[in-house]
Amino acid sequence: MHRSSRYIAAASLLAIFAIFLIYNFQVSGEYPQKMQAAAQLCKVRSGPGYEFDVVATLSQDEVVIVLGMVETEEHLTWYRIDQKTLRHSVSSKEYYVRSDLLTLYGDTQK
């Protein structure tokens, strides 16, 4: 295989990978948003999915700032949390909570 063919193949693979990431991890919404934990105990993970480590927990009604939303290929929605609003956490680059475990701050309908 010629050198230019390898570069084209590598560029094509990178483009396919980028499209995969964009399609599977779409971030949208109006953020930042103040939200509170709706469940008695919410696990905060290092990424948007069950395969990521638990790096913190939230108690019911604990308030956090949501920075964004990610929908995974499993059709689960996860909120990306601002680390500064977590009381206790393990060092991680990002923090995520499953979207059904949080409600808008001050929302009394639970």
PDB file of N, CA and C in Angstrom:
ATOM      1  N   MET A   1       0.855  -1.171   0.000  1.00  0.00           N
ATOM      2  CA  MET A   1       0.000   0.000   0.000  1.00  0.00           C
ATOM      3  C   MET A   1       0.903   1.237   0.000  1.00  0.00           C
ATOM      4  N   HIS A   2       0.576   2.193  -0.844  1.00  0.00           N
ATOM      5  CA  HIS A   2       1.356   3.423  -0.940  1.00  0.00           C
ATOM      6  C   HIS A   2       1.118   4.305   0.269  1.00  0.00           C
ATOM      7  N   ARG A   3       2.085   5.184   0.517  1.00  0.00           N
ATOM      8  CA  ARG A   3       2.005   6.092   1.663  1.00  0.00           C
ATOM      9  C   ARG A   3       0.742   6.955   1.598  1.00  0.00           C
ATOM     10  N   SER A   4       0.399   7.495   0.433  1.00  0.00           N
ATOM     11  CA  SER A   4      -0.792   8.350   0.312  1.00  0.00           C
ATOM     12  C   SER A   4      -2.073   7.546   0.560  1.00  0.00           C
ATOM     13  N   SER A   5      -2.077   6.296   0.175  1.00  0.00           N
ATOM     14  CA  SER A   5      -3.249   5.443   0.424  1.00  0.00           C
ATOM     15  C   SER A   5      -3.437   5.208   1.918  1.00  0.00           C
ATOM     16  N   ARG A   6      -2.320   5.072   2.643  1.00  0.00           N
ATOM     17  CA  ARG A   6      -2.419   4.894   4.091  1.00  0.00           C
ATOM     18  C   ARG A   6      -2.966   6.144   4.763  1.00  0.00           C
ATOM     19  N   TYR A   7      -2.538   7.313   4.286  1.00  0.00           N
ATOM     20  CA  TYR A   7      -3.044   8.563   4.851  1.00  0.00           C
ATOM     21  C   TYR A   7      -4.543   8.716   4.595  1.00  0.00           C
ATOM     22  N   ILE A   8      -4.972   8.361   3.404  1.00  0.00           N
ATOM     23  CA  ILE A   8      -6.403   8.441   3.072  1.00  0.00           C
ATOM     24  C   ILE A   8      -7.193   7.463   3.930  1.00  0.00           C
ATOM     25  N   ALA A   9      -6.666   6.254   4.111  1.00  0.00           N
ATOM     26  CA  ALA A   9      -7.346   5.256   4.941  1.00  0.00           C
ATOM     27  C   ALA A   9      -7.434   5.733   6.386  1.00  0.00           C
ATOM     28  N   ALA A  10      -6.347   6.300   6.895  1.00  0.00           N
ATOM     29  CA  ALA A  10      -6.343   6.805   8.271  1.00  0.00           C
ATOM     30  C   ALA A  10      -7.318   7.967   8.432  1.00  0.00           C
ATOM     31  N   ALA A  11      -7.350   8.874   7.472  1.00  0.00           N
ATOM     32  CA  ALA A  11      -8.272  10.010   7.527  1.00  0.00           C
ATOM     33  C   ALA A  11      -9.718   9.531   7.467  1.00  0.00           C
ATOM     34  N   SER A  12      -9.976   8.529   6.658  1.00  0.00           N
ATOM     35  CA  SER A  12     -11.331   7.976   6.558  1.00  0.00           C
ATOM     36  C   SER A  12     -11.770   7.352   7.876  1.00  0.00           C
ATOM     37  N   LEU A  13     -10.866   6.615   8.513  1.00  0.00           N
ATOM     38  CA  LEU A  13     -11.188   6.009   9.806  1.00  0.00           C
ATOM     39  C   LEU A  13     -11.457   7.075  10.863  1.00  0.00           C
ATOM     40  N   LEU A  14     -10.660   8.136  10.862  1.00  0.00           N
ATOM     41  CA  LEU A  14     -10.891   9.227  11.810  1.00  0.00           C
ATOM     42  C   LEU A  14     -12.241   9.890  11.571  1.00  0.00           C
ATOM     43  N   ALA A  15     -12.593  10.096  10.314  1.00  0.00           N
ATOM     44  CA  ALA A  15     -13.882  10.707   9.986  1.00  0.00           C
ATOM     45  C   ALA A  15     -15.036   9.820  10.443  1.00  0.00           C
ATOM     46  N   ILE A  16     -14.920   8.531  10.223  1.00  0.00           N
ATOM     47  CA  ILE A  16     -15.967   7.589  10.652  1.00  0.00           C
ATOM     48  C   ILE A  16     -16.085   7.595  12.172  1.00  0.00           C
ATOM     49  N   PHE A  17     -14.958   7.604  12.867  1.00  0.00           N
ATOM     50  CA  PHE A  17     -14.964   7.643  14.325  1.00  0.00           C
ATOM     51  C   PHE A  17     -15.614   8.929  14.831  1.00  0.00           C
ATOM     52  N   ALA A  18     -15.311  10.072  14.220  1.00  0.00           N
ATOM     53  CA  ALA A  18     -15.904  11.350  14.617  1.00  0.00           C
ATOM     54  C   ALA A  18     -17.415  11.331  14.419  1.00  0.00           C
ATOM     55  N   ILE A  19     -17.872  10.790  13.312  1.00  0.00           N
ATOM     56  CA  ILE A  19     -19.317  10.693  13.058  1.00  0.00           C
ATOM     57  C   ILE A  19     -19.968   9.791  14.106  1.00  0.00           C
ATOM     58  N   PHE A  20     -19.313   8.684  14.444  1.00  0.00           N
ATOM     59  CA  PHE A  20     -19.823   7.788  15.479  1.00  0.00           C
ATOM     60  C   PHE A  20     -19.990   8.527  16.804  1.00  0.00           C
ATOM     61  N   LEU A  21     -18.979   9.287  17.213  1.00  0.00           N
ATOM     62  CA  LEU A  21     -19.053  10.025  18.474  1.00  0.00           C
ATOM     63  C   LEU A  21     -20.167  11.069  18.451  1.00  0.00           C
ATOM     64  N   ILE A  22     -20.269  11.797  17.362  1.00  0.00           N
ATOM     65  CA  ILE A  22     -21.312  12.824  17.258  1.00  0.00           C
ATOM     66  C   ILE A  22     -22.691  12.179  17.313  1.00  0.00           C
ATOM     67  N   TYR A  23     -22.885  11.075  16.603  1.00  0.00           N
ATOM     68  CA  TYR A  23     -24.182  10.414  16.561  1.00  0.00           C
ATOM     69  C   TYR A  23     -24.554   9.807  17.916  1.00  0.00           C
ATOM     70  N   ASN A  24     -23.590   9.203  18.603  1.00  0.00           N
ATOM     71  CA  ASN A  24     -23.885   8.476  19.827  1.00  0.00           C
ATOM     72  C   ASN A  24     -23.818   9.313  21.088  1.00  0.00           C
ATOM     73  N   PHE A  25     -23.179  10.446  21.070  1.00  0.00           N
ATOM     74  CA  PHE A  25     -23.051  11.288  22.252  1.00  0.00           C
ATOM     75  C   PHE A  25     -23.444  12.718  21.908  1.00  0.00           C
ATOM     76  N   GLN A  26     -24.710  12.913  21.650  1.00  0.00           N
ATOM     77  CA  GLN A  26     -25.210  14.227  21.276  1.00  0.00           C
ATOM     78  C   GLN A  26     -25.473  15.051  22.524  1.00  0.00           C
ATOM     79  N   VAL A  27     -24.906  16.251  22.571  1.00  0.00           N
ATOM     80  CA  VAL A  27     -25.098  17.156  23.695  1.00  0.00           C
ATOM     81  C   VAL A  27     -26.034  18.268  23.240  1.00  0.00           C
ATOM     82  N   SER A  28     -27.054  18.534  24.023  1.00  0.00           N
ATOM     83  CA  SER A  28     -28.003  19.580  23.646  1.00  0.00           C
ATOM     84  C   SER A  28     -28.659  20.171  24.878  1.00  0.00           C
ATOM     85  N   GLY A  29     -29.493  21.203  24.679  1.00  0.00           N
ATOM     86  CA  GLY A  29     -30.247  21.800  25.768  1.00  0.00           C
ATOM     87  C   GLY A  29     -29.736  23.171  26.165  1.00  0.00           C
ATOM     88  N   GLU A  30     -30.445  23.787  27.102  1.00  0.00           N
ATOM     89  CA  GLU A  30     -30.059  25.095  27.615  1.00  0.00           C
ATOM     90  C   GLU A  30     -29.381  24.909  28.967  1.00  0.00           C
ATOM     91  N   TYR A  31     -28.099  25.133  28.998  1.00  0.00           N
ATOM     92  CA  TYR A  31     -27.322  24.885  30.205  1.00  0.00           C
ATOM     93  C   TYR A  31     -26.379  26.044  30.445  1.00  0.00           C
ATOM     94  N   PRO A  32     -25.927  26.287  31.671  1.00  0.00           N
ATOM     95  CA  PRO A  32     -26.108  25.484  32.875  1.00  0.00           C
ATOM     96  C   PRO A  32     -27.527  25.575  33.434  1.00  0.00           C
ATOM     97  N   GLN A  33     -27.911  24.554  34.169  1.00  0.00           N
ATOM     98  CA  GLN A  33     -29.252  24.430  34.743  1.00  0.00           C
ATOM     99  C   GLN A  33     -29.136  23.917  36.181  1.00  0.00           C
ATOM    100  N   LYS A  34     -29.817  24.556  37.103  1.00  0.00           N
ATOM    101  CA  LYS A  34     -29.806  24.112  38.498  1.00  0.00           C
ATOM    102  C   LYS A  34     -30.831  22.996  38.657  1.00  0.00           C
ATOM    103  N   MET A  35     -30.368  21.842  39.186  1.00  0.00           N
ATOM    104  CA  MET A  35     -31.244  20.689  39.364  1.00  0.00           C
ATOM    105  C   MET A  35     -30.988  20.072  40.728  1.00  0.00           C
ATOM    106  N   GLN A  36     -31.905  19.193  41.144  1.00  0.00           N
ATOM    107  CA  GLN A  36     -31.761  18.528  42.436  1.00  0.00           C
ATOM    108  C   GLN A  36     -32.027  17.043  42.290  1.00  0.00           C
ATOM    109  N   ALA A  37     -31.403  16.270  43.181  1.00  0.00           N
ATOM    110  CA  ALA A  37     -31.551  14.816  43.163  1.00  0.00           C
ATOM    111  C   ALA A  37     -32.979  14.439  43.547  1.00  0.00           C
ATOM    112  N   ALA A  38     -33.612  13.588  42.756  1.00  0.00           N
ATOM    113  CA  ALA A  38     -34.981  13.167  43.005  1.00  0.00           C
ATOM    114  C   ALA A  38     -35.045  11.829  43.732  1.00  0.00           C
ATOM    115  N   ALA A  39     -33.962  11.087  43.678  1.00  0.00           N
ATOM    116  CA  ALA A  39     -33.921   9.770  44.325  1.00  0.00           C
ATOM    117  C   ALA A  39     -33.198   9.876  45.665  1.00  0.00           C
ATOM    118  N   GLN A  40     -33.418   8.885  46.510  1.00  0.00           N
ATOM    119  CA  GLN A  40     -32.794   8.883  47.831  1.00  0.00           C
ATOM    120  C   GLN A  40     -31.269   8.866  47.733  1.00  0.00           C
ATOM    121  N   LEU A  41     -30.745   8.136  46.746  1.00  0.00           N
ATOM    122  CA  LEU A  41     -29.304   8.080  46.519  1.00  0.00           C
ATOM    123  C   LEU A  41     -29.057   7.998  45.021  1.00  0.00           C
ATOM    124  N   CYS A  42     -28.282   8.934  44.494  1.00  0.00           N
ATOM    125  CA  CYS A  42     -27.949   8.968  43.061  1.00  0.00           C
ATOM    126  C   CYS A  42     -26.461   8.736  42.890  1.00  0.00           C
ATOM    127  N   LYS A  43     -26.102   7.821  42.014  1.00  0.00           N
ATOM    128  CA  LYS A  43     -24.694   7.562  41.727  1.00  0.00           C
ATOM    129  C   LYS A  43     -24.212   8.515  40.635  1.00  0.00           C
ATOM    130  N   VAL A  44     -23.099   9.161  40.905  1.00  0.00           N
ATOM    131  CA  VAL A  44     -22.457  10.042  39.933  1.00  0.00           C
ATOM    132  C   VAL A  44     -21.315   9.235  39.319  1.00  0.00           C
ATOM    133  N   ARG A  45     -21.274   9.170  37.991  1.00  0.00           N
ATOM    134  CA  ARG A  45     -20.287   8.337  37.302  1.00  0.00           C
ATOM    135  C   ARG A  45     -19.290   9.193  36.527  1.00  0.00           C
ATOM    136  N   SER A  46     -18.158   8.597  36.191  1.00  0.00           N
ATOM    137  CA  SER A  46     -17.097   9.309  35.478  1.00  0.00           C
ATOM    138  C   SER A  46     -17.378   9.463  33.986  1.00  0.00           C
ATOM    139  N   GLY A  47     -18.459   8.890  33.510  1.00  0.00           N
ATOM    140  CA  GLY A  47     -18.855   8.999  32.109  1.00  0.00           C
ATOM    141  C   GLY A  47     -20.318   8.657  31.962  1.00  0.00           C
ATOM    142  N   PRO A  48     -20.879   8.880  30.769  1.00  0.00           N
ATOM    143  CA  PRO A  48     -22.311   8.657  30.543  1.00  0.00           C
ATOM    144  C   PRO A  48     -22.658   7.192  30.267  1.00  0.00           C
ATOM    145  N   GLY A  49     -22.687   6.376  31.320  1.00  0.00           N
ATOM    146  CA  GLY A  49     -23.046   4.970  31.147  1.00  0.00           C
ATOM    147  C   GLY A  49     -22.726   4.164  32.386  1.00  0.00           C
ATOM    148  N   TYR A  50     -23.364   2.996  32.474  1.00  0.00           N
ATOM    149  CA  TYR A  50     -23.163   2.126  33.635  1.00  0.00           C
ATOM    150  C   TYR A  50     -21.754   1.536  33.688  1.00  0.00           C
ATOM    151  N   GLU A  51     -21.079   1.518  32.552  1.00  0.00           N
ATOM    152  CA  GLU A  51     -19.734   0.944  32.524  1.00  0.00           C
ATOM    153  C   GLU A  51     -18.680   1.855  33.159  1.00  0.00           C
ATOM    154  N   PHE A  52     -19.052   3.102  33.456  1.00  0.00           N
ATOM    155  CA  PHE A  52     -18.125   4.047  34.071  1.00  0.00           C
ATOM    156  C   PHE A  52     -18.169   3.933  35.598  1.00  0.00           C
ATOM    157  N   ASP A  53     -17.032   4.238  36.220  1.00  0.00           N
ATOM    158  CA  ASP A  53     -16.907   4.152  37.680  1.00  0.00           C
ATOM    159  C   ASP A  53     -17.806   5.155  38.397  1.00  0.00           C
ATOM    160  N   VAL A  54     -18.277   4.762  39.584  1.00  0.00           N
ATOM    161  CA  VAL A  54     -18.999   5.676  40.461  1.00  0.00           C
ATOM    162  C   VAL A  54     -17.947   6.531  41.168  1.00  0.00           C
ATOM    163  N   VAL A  55     -18.054   7.869  41.034  1.00  0.00           N
ATOM    164  CA  VAL A  55     -17.051   8.775  41.600  1.00  0.00           C
ATOM    165  C   VAL A  55     -17.625   9.678  42.685  1.00  0.00           C
ATOM    166  N   ALA A  56     -18.946   9.637  42.868  1.00  0.00           N
ATOM    167  CA  ALA A  56     -19.601  10.436  43.906  1.00  0.00           C
ATOM    168  C   ALA A  56     -21.038   9.948  44.039  1.00  0.00           C
ATOM    169  N   THR A  57     -21.710  10.424  45.080  1.00  0.00           N
ATOM    170  CA  THR A  57     -23.146  10.161  45.238  1.00  0.00           C
ATOM    171  C   THR A  57     -23.845  11.460  45.612  1.00  0.00           C
ATOM    172  N   LEU A  58     -25.127  11.514  45.303  1.00  0.00           N
ATOM    173  CA  LEU A  58     -25.975  12.647  45.685  1.00  0.00           C
ATOM    174  C   LEU A  58     -27.071  12.137  46.599  1.00  0.00           C
ATOM    175  N   SER A  59     -27.380  12.901  47.621  1.00  0.00           N
ATOM    176  CA  SER A  59     -28.506  12.592  48.497  1.00  0.00           C
ATOM    177  C   SER A  59     -29.755  13.262  47.930  1.00  0.00           C
ATOM    178  N   GLN A  60     -30.923  12.750  48.319  1.00  0.00           N
ATOM    179  CA  GLN A  60     -32.180  13.320  47.836  1.00  0.00           C
ATOM    180  C   GLN A  60     -32.231  14.815  48.129  1.00  0.00           C
ATOM    181  N   ASP A  61     -32.670  15.593  47.155  1.00  0.00           N
ATOM    182  CA  ASP A  61     -32.818  17.054  47.189  1.00  0.00           C
ATOM    183  C   ASP A  61     -31.490  17.809  47.157  1.00  0.00           C
ATOM    184  N   GLU A  62     -30.367  17.113  47.050  1.00  0.00           N
ATOM    185  CA  GLU A  62     -29.079  17.796  46.916  1.00  0.00           C
ATOM    186  C   GLU A  62     -29.057  18.533  45.573  1.00  0.00           C
ATOM    187  N   VAL A  63     -28.588  19.766  45.577  1.00  0.00           N
ATOM    188  CA  VAL A  63     -28.615  20.630  44.395  1.00  0.00           C
ATOM    189  C   VAL A  63     -27.268  20.586  43.669  1.00  0.00           C
ATOM    190  N   VAL A  64     -27.337  20.472  42.341  1.00  0.00           N
ATOM    191  CA  VAL A  64     -26.150  20.478  41.494  1.00  0.00           C
ATOM    192  C   VAL A  64     -26.411  21.368  40.280  1.00  0.00           C
ATOM    193  N   ILE A  65     -25.336  21.727  39.611  1.00  0.00           N
ATOM    194  CA  ILE A  65     -25.443  22.464  38.353  1.00  0.00           C
ATOM    195  C   ILE A  65     -25.186  21.491  37.212  1.00  0.00           C
ATOM    196  N   VAL A  66     -26.141  21.420  36.281  1.00  0.00           N
ATOM    197  CA  VAL A  66     -26.017  20.562  35.111  1.00  0.00           C
ATOM    198  C   VAL A  66     -25.432  21.397  33.975  1.00  0.00           C
ATOM    199  N   LEU A  67     -24.365  20.884  33.355  1.00  0.00           N
ATOM    200  CA  LEU A  67     -23.669  21.608  32.294  1.00  0.00           C
ATOM    201  C   LEU A  67     -24.074  21.161  30.895  1.00  0.00           C
ATOM    202  N   GLY A  68     -24.683  19.987  30.795  1.00  0.00           N
ATOM    203  CA  GLY A  68     -25.069  19.483  29.486  1.00  0.00           C
ATOM    204  C   GLY A  68     -25.779  18.156  29.588  1.00  0.00           C
ATOM    205  N   MET A  69     -26.219  17.667  28.442  1.00  0.00           N
ATOM    206  CA  MET A  69     -26.971  16.418  28.380  1.00  0.00           C
ATOM    207  C   MET A  69     -26.382  15.555  27.276  1.00  0.00           C
ATOM    208  N   VAL A  70     -26.288  14.255  27.525  1.00  0.00           N
ATOM    209  CA  VAL A  70     -25.738  13.313  26.558  1.00  0.00           C
ATOM    210  C   VAL A  70     -26.712  12.155  26.417  1.00  0.00           C
ATOM    211  N   GLU A  71     -27.013  11.778  25.169  1.00  0.00           N
ATOM    212  CA  GLU A  71     -27.827  10.587  24.929  1.00  0.00           C
ATOM    213  C   GLU A  71     -26.915   9.526  24.356  1.00  0.00           C
ATOM    214  N   THR A  72     -26.893   8.349  24.995  1.00  0.00           N
ATOM    215  CA  THR A  72     -26.009   7.271  24.555  1.00  0.00           C
ATOM    216  C   THR A  72     -26.699   6.408  23.507  1.00  0.00           C
ATOM    217  N   GLU A  73     -25.930   5.512  22.922  1.00  0.00           N
ATOM    218  CA  GLU A  73     -26.497   4.630  21.904  1.00  0.00           C
ATOM    219  C   GLU A  73     -27.523   3.668  22.495  1.00  0.00           C
ATOM    220  N   GLU A  74     -27.514   3.498  23.825  1.00  0.00           N
ATOM    221  CA  GLU A  74     -28.522   2.664  24.491  1.00  0.00           C
ATOM    222  C   GLU A  74     -29.808   3.451  24.727  1.00  0.00           C
ATOM    223  N   HIS A  75     -29.874   4.682  24.221  1.00  0.00           N
ATOM    224  CA  HIS A  75     -31.028   5.577  24.349  1.00  0.00           C
ATOM    225  C   HIS A  75     -31.273   5.987  25.797  1.00  0.00           C
ATOM    226  N   LEU A  76     -30.197   6.078  26.570  1.00  0.00           N
ATOM    227  CA  LEU A  76     -30.279   6.603  27.927  1.00  0.00           C
ATOM    228  C   LEU A  76     -29.736   8.020  27.909  1.00  0.00           C
ATOM    229  N   THR A  77     -30.363   8.893  28.691  1.00  0.00           N
ATOM    230  CA  THR A  77     -29.925  10.273  28.769  1.00  0.00           C
ATOM    231  C   THR A  77     -29.217  10.494  30.095  1.00  0.00           C
ATOM    232  N   TRP A  78     -28.063  11.142  30.024  1.00  0.00           N
ATOM    233  CA  TRP A  78     -27.236  11.431  31.193  1.00  0.00           C
ATOM    234  C   TRP A  78     -26.967  12.919  31.241  1.00  0.00           C
ATOM    235  N   TYR A  79     -26.962  13.490  32.453  1.00  0.00           N
ATOM    236  CA  TYR A  79     -26.615  14.890  32.645  1.00  0.00           C
ATOM    237  C   TYR A  79     -25.155  14.995  33.086  1.00  0.00           C
ATOM    238  N   ARG A  80     -24.438  15.934  32.490  1.00  0.00           N
ATOM    239  CA  ARG A  80     -23.056  16.212  32.905  1.00  0.00           C
ATOM    240  C   ARG A  80     -23.111  17.251  34.018  1.00  0.00           C
ATOM    241  N   ILE A  81     -22.496  16.935  35.145  1.00  0.00           N
ATOM    242  CA  ILE A  81     -22.586  17.737  36.372  1.00  0.00           C
ATOM    243  C   ILE A  81     -21.330  18.581  36.558  1.00  0.00           C
ATOM    244  N   ASP A  82     -21.513  19.797  37.060  1.00  0.00           N
ATOM    245  CA  ASP A  82     -20.390  20.661  37.421  1.00  0.00           C
ATOM    246  C   ASP A  82     -19.767  20.120  38.704  1.00  0.00           C
ATOM    247  N   GLN A  83     -18.510  19.743  38.642  1.00  0.00           N
ATOM    248  CA  GLN A  83     -17.812  19.139  39.781  1.00  0.00           C
ATOM    249  C   GLN A  83     -17.795  20.057  40.993  1.00  0.00           C
ATOM    250  N   LYS A  84     -17.782  21.360  40.775  1.00  0.00           N
ATOM    251  CA  LYS A  84     -17.730  22.318  41.889  1.00  0.00           C
ATOM    252  C   LYS A  84     -18.979  22.250  42.770  1.00  0.00           C
ATOM    253  N   THR A  85     -20.074  21.705  42.245  1.00  0.00           N
ATOM    254  CA  THR A  85     -21.302  21.633  43.033  1.00  0.00           C
ATOM    255  C   THR A  85     -21.453  20.312  43.785  1.00  0.00           C
ATOM    256  N   LEU A  86     -20.496  19.397  43.618  1.00  0.00           N
ATOM    257  CA  LEU A  86     -20.540  18.130  44.338  1.00  0.00           C
ATOM    258  C   LEU A  86     -19.875  18.289  45.700  1.00  0.00           C
ATOM    259  N   ARG A  87     -20.505  17.755  46.738  1.00  0.00           N
ATOM    260  CA  ARG A  87     -19.929  17.845  48.090  1.00  0.00           C
ATOM    261  C   ARG A  87     -18.673  17.000  48.214  1.00  0.00           C
ATOM    262  N   HIS A  88     -18.749  15.762  47.743  1.00  0.00           N
ATOM    263  CA  HIS A  88     -17.620  14.829  47.834  1.00  0.00           C
ATOM    264  C   HIS A  88     -17.499  14.117  46.500  1.00  0.00           C
ATOM    265  N   SER A  89     -16.278  13.974  46.013  1.00  0.00           N
ATOM    266  CA  SER A  89     -16.087  13.240  44.761  1.00  0.00           C
ATOM    267  C   SER A  89     -14.661  12.736  44.660  1.00  0.00           C
ATOM    268  N   VAL A  90     -14.512  11.688  43.858  1.00  0.00           N
ATOM    269  CA  VAL A  90     -13.205  11.170  43.498  1.00  0.00           C
ATOM    270  C   VAL A  90     -12.763  11.968  42.273  1.00  0.00           C
ATOM    271  N   SER A  91     -11.483  12.167  42.124  1.00  0.00           N
ATOM    272  CA  SER A  91     -10.970  12.921  40.987  1.00  0.00           C
ATOM    273  C   SER A  91     -11.382  12.267  39.669  1.00  0.00           C
ATOM    274  N   SER A  92     -11.994  13.049  38.808  1.00  0.00           N
ATOM    275  CA  SER A  92     -12.428  12.585  37.502  1.00  0.00           C
ATOM    276  C   SER A  92     -12.472  13.794  36.578  1.00  0.00           C
ATOM    277  N   LYS A  93     -12.365  13.555  35.279  1.00  0.00           N
ATOM    278  CA  LYS A  93     -12.446  14.661  34.327  1.00  0.00           C
ATOM    279  C   LYS A  93     -13.884  15.135  34.153  1.00  0.00           C
ATOM    280  N   GLU A  94     -14.830  14.196  34.224  1.00  0.00           N
ATOM    281  CA  GLU A  94     -16.235  14.527  34.030  1.00  0.00           C
ATOM    282  C   GLU A  94     -17.099  13.762  35.027  1.00  0.00           C
ATOM    283  N   TYR A  95     -18.311  14.262  35.231  1.00  0.00           N
ATOM    284  CA  TYR A  95     -19.242  13.689  36.205  1.00  0.00           C
ATOM    285  C   TYR A  95     -20.627  13.622  35.571  1.00  0.00           C
ATOM    286  N   TYR A  96     -21.261  12.458  35.614  1.00  0.00           N
ATOM    287  CA  TYR A  96     -22.562  12.254  34.977  1.00  0.00           C
ATOM    288  C   TYR A  96     -23.550  11.573  35.921  1.00  0.00           C
ATOM    289  N   VAL A  97     -24.833  11.968  35.782  1.00  0.00           N
ATOM    290  CA  VAL A  97     -25.936  11.342  36.517  1.00  0.00           C
ATOM    291  C   VAL A  97     -27.029  11.025  35.502  1.00  0.00           C
ATOM    292  N   ARG A  98     -27.649   9.862  35.641  1.00  0.00           N
ATOM    293  CA  ARG A  98     -28.768   9.492  34.758  1.00  0.00           C
ATOM    294  C   ARG A  98     -29.868  10.539  34.899  1.00  0.00           C
ATOM    295  N   SER A  99     -30.428  10.963  33.806  1.00  0.00           N
ATOM    296  CA  SER A  99     -31.353  12.100  33.791  1.00  0.00           C
ATOM    297  C   SER A  99     -32.625  11.889  34.605  1.00  0.00           C
ATOM    298  N   ASP A 100     -33.104  10.658  34.720  1.00  0.00           N
ATOM    299  CA  ASP A 100     -34.341  10.433  35.469  1.00  0.00           C
ATOM    300  C   ASP A 100     -34.136  10.534  36.983  1.00  0.00           C
ATOM    301  N   LEU A 101     -32.894  10.719  37.425  1.00  0.00           N
ATOM    302  CA  LEU A 101     -32.610  10.838  38.849  1.00  0.00           C
ATOM    303  C   LEU A 101     -32.542  12.291  39.314  1.00  0.00           C
ATOM    304  N   LEU A 102     -32.687  13.233  38.385  1.00  0.00           N
ATOM    305  CA  LEU A 102     -32.651  14.656  38.729  1.00  0.00           C
ATOM    306  C   LEU A 102     -33.927  15.352  38.271  1.00  0.00           C
ATOM    307  N   THR A 103     -34.335  16.380  39.010  1.00  0.00           N
ATOM    308  CA  THR A 103     -35.464  17.224  38.616  1.00  0.00           C
ATOM    309  C   THR A 103     -35.012  18.675  38.674  1.00  0.00           C
ATOM    310  N   LEU A 104     -35.768  19.536  38.019  1.00  0.00           N
ATOM    311  CA  LEU A 104     -35.454  20.963  38.082  1.00  0.00           C
ATOM    312  C   LEU A 104     -35.485  21.439  39.521  1.00  0.00           C
ATOM    313  N   TYR A 105     -34.587  22.310  39.874  1.00  0.00           N
ATOM    314  CA  TYR A 105     -34.516  22.841  41.230  1.00  0.00           C
ATOM    315  C   TYR A 105     -35.810  23.553  41.575  1.00  0.00           C
ATOM    316  N   GLY A 106     -36.364  23.211  42.728  1.00  0.00           N
ATOM    317  CA  GLY A 106     -37.606  23.830  43.188  1.00  0.00           C
ATOM    318  C   GLY A 106     -38.857  23.180  42.645  1.00  0.00           C
ATOM    319  N   ASP A 107     -38.723  22.179  41.772  1.00  0.00           N
ATOM    320  CA  ASP A 107     -39.889  21.472  41.210  1.00  0.00           C
ATOM    321  C   ASP A 107     -40.473  20.586  42.298  1.00  0.00           C
ATOM    322  N   THR A 108     -41.702  20.892  42.721  1.00  0.00           N
ATOM    323  CA  THR A 108     -42.337  20.139  43.809  1.00  0.00           C
ATOM    324  C   THR A 108     -43.038  18.892  43.352  1.00  0.00           C
ATOM    325  N   GLN A 109     -43.153  18.683  42.032  1.00  0.00           N
ATOM    326  CA  GLN A 109     -43.832  17.490  41.520  1.00  0.00           C
ATOM    327  C   GLN A 109     -42.834  16.356  41.454  1.00  0.00           C
ATOM    328  N   LYS A 110     -42.945  15.392  42.371  1.00  0.00           N
ATOM    329  CA  LYS A 110     -42.039  14.242  42.403  1.00  0.00           C
ATOM    330  C   LYS A 110     -42.818  12.973  42.311  1.00  0.00           C
TER     331      LYS A 110
END
